[in-house]
Amino acid sequence: MSGPAVGVAGAAEVPAAFEIVVTSPGRFAARGALTFANAKRARGEGLHALRTSTARDLEVDCSGITHSDSAGLAVLLDWMAVMKREGRPLCFAGLPSGLLAVARISGVEEMLQKGV
């Protein structure tokens, strides 16, 4: 067996891949897992992408997020807070049901769906 085992108790886990890509001016696609394993990097990459966009209104399509947890939700909420402070509207489309479930039990589902 080569490489680290994934999903086995006590085995090393491969960090989950995440990317945010520009699909058109002001429009982005979030793809991959958005979890504790990569939240810090995803936060930074997302903020860089959003801040360097020349468009005023921003939208992130989240339908490509394959797995998420509360850290992933925190990343999206942080992007919203930063963009709100900077006066740039941000909304999310295609939010996965698992992410919405975490948002619902956290009391932020409506805010996440409405955007800023």
Protein backbone atom coordinates (compact mmCIF):
# COMPACT_ATOMS: atom_id res chain seq x y z
CA MET A 1 0.00 0.00 0.00
CA SER A 2 1.52 3.35 -0.96
CA GLY A 3 0.71 6.82 0.35
CA PRO A 4 -1.30 7.71 3.42
CA ALA A 5 -4.59 5.98 4.07
CA VAL A 6 -7.66 8.16 4.07
CA GLY A 7 -10.56 7.68 6.44
CA VAL A 8 -8.88 5.01 8.56
CA ALA A 9 -8.70 5.61 12.31
CA GLY A 10 -5.20 6.66 13.26
CA ALA A 11 -4.06 7.04 9.65
CA ALA A 12 -2.85 10.27 8.12
CA GLU A 13 -5.39 12.09 6.03
CA VAL A 14 -4.59 13.84 2.78
CA PRO A 15 -5.45 17.56 3.02
CA ALA A 16 -8.59 18.29 1.07
CA ALA A 17 -8.20 20.37 -2.06
CA PHE A 18 -10.09 23.64 -2.45
CA GLU A 19 -9.96 26.27 -5.14
CA ILE A 20 -11.78 29.43 -6.07
CA VAL A 21 -11.69 30.36 -9.73
CA VAL A 22 -12.90 33.35 -11.71
CA THR A 23 -15.68 32.36 -14.12
CA SER A 24 -16.43 35.89 -15.37
CA PRO A 25 -15.94 39.43 -14.00
CA GLY A 26 -17.21 39.42 -10.41
CA ARG A 27 -18.25 35.75 -10.62
CA PHE A 28 -16.37 32.91 -8.97
CA ALA A 29 -16.71 29.16 -8.50
CA ALA A 30 -15.72 27.51 -5.23
CA ARG A 31 -14.68 23.90 -5.78
CA GLY A 32 -13.63 21.03 -3.56
CA ALA A 33 -13.79 20.47 0.18
CA LEU A 34 -14.09 23.48 2.48
CA THR A 35 -13.21 22.19 5.94
CA PHE A 36 -10.99 22.63 9.00
CA ALA A 37 -8.18 21.04 6.99
CA ASN A 38 -7.97 23.94 4.56
CA ALA A 39 -10.03 26.80 6.00
CA LYS A 40 -7.09 29.15 6.60
CA ARG A 41 -5.78 28.75 3.06
CA ALA A 42 -9.28 28.92 1.53
CA ARG A 43 -10.02 32.12 3.46
CA GLY A 44 -6.88 33.78 2.11
CA GLU A 45 -7.34 32.61 -1.46
CA GLY A 46 -10.98 33.65 -1.48
CA LEU A 47 -10.29 37.11 -0.07
CA HIS A 48 -7.51 37.62 -2.59
CA ALA A 49 -9.79 36.63 -5.48
CA LEU A 50 -12.66 38.81 -4.25
CA ARG A 51 -10.50 41.83 -3.49
CA THR A 52 -8.69 41.77 -6.83
CA SER A 53 -11.89 41.61 -8.86
CA THR A 54 -12.64 44.83 -10.72
CA ALA A 55 -16.39 44.19 -10.49
CA ARG A 56 -18.32 45.92 -7.69
CA ASP A 57 -20.93 43.18 -7.18
CA LEU A 58 -19.55 39.73 -6.41
CA GLU A 59 -21.05 36.24 -6.53
CA VAL A 60 -19.54 32.90 -5.55
CA ASP A 61 -21.11 29.73 -6.96
CA CYS A 62 -20.74 27.16 -4.20
CA SER A 63 -22.29 24.22 -6.07
CA GLY A 64 -18.80 22.75 -6.54
CA ILE A 65 -18.16 22.45 -2.80
CA THR A 66 -17.95 18.71 -2.24
CA HIS A 67 -17.69 18.65 1.56
CA SER A 68 -17.95 21.29 4.26
CA ASP A 69 -18.10 21.71 8.00
CA SER A 70 -18.44 24.58 10.47
CA ALA A 71 -14.99 25.91 9.50
CA GLY A 72 -16.14 26.09 5.88
CA LEU A 73 -19.20 28.05 6.97
CA ALA A 74 -16.94 30.38 8.94
CA VAL A 75 -14.88 31.03 5.80
CA LEU A 76 -17.95 32.08 3.81
CA LEU A 77 -19.21 34.28 6.65
CA ASP A 78 -15.79 35.89 6.94
CA TRP A 79 -15.74 36.66 3.21
CA MET A 80 -19.15 38.31 3.65
CA ALA A 81 -18.01 40.38 6.64
CA VAL A 82 -14.87 41.62 4.88
CA MET A 83 -16.71 42.50 1.67
CA LYS A 84 -19.44 44.29 3.66
CA ARG A 85 -16.79 46.40 5.44
CA GLU A 86 -15.29 47.20 2.05
CA GLY A 87 -18.69 48.19 0.63
CA ARG A 88 -18.82 45.42 -1.97
CA PRO A 89 -21.97 43.34 -2.31
CA LEU A 90 -21.33 39.59 -2.10
CA CYS A 91 -23.80 36.76 -2.53
CA PHE A 92 -23.56 33.00 -2.79
CA ALA A 93 -25.32 30.72 -5.28
CA GLY A 94 -25.68 26.95 -5.29
CA LEU A 95 -25.09 26.48 -1.58
CA PRO A 96 -24.87 22.73 -0.86
CA SER A 97 -27.51 21.24 1.45
CA GLY A 98 -24.91 20.16 4.04
CA LEU A 99 -23.52 23.67 4.29
CA LEU A 100 -27.02 25.09 4.61
CA ALA A 101 -27.77 22.60 7.39
CA VAL A 102 -24.77 23.83 9.38
CA ALA A 103 -25.85 27.43 8.70
CA ARG A 104 -29.39 26.60 9.86
CA ILE A 105 -28.33 25.15 13.20
CA SER A 106 -25.94 28.09 13.63
CA GLY A 107 -28.75 30.60 13.04
CA VAL A 108 -27.14 32.18 9.96
CA GLU A 109 -28.91 30.42 7.08
CA GLU A 110 -30.94 33.44 6.00
CA MET A 111 -27.93 35.76 6.12
CA LEU A 112 -25.87 33.28 4.10
CA GLN A 113 -28.58 32.97 1.46
CA LYS A 114 -29.21 36.74 1.21
CA GLY A 115 -25.61 37.86 1.10
CA VAL A 116 -24.43 41.39 1.82
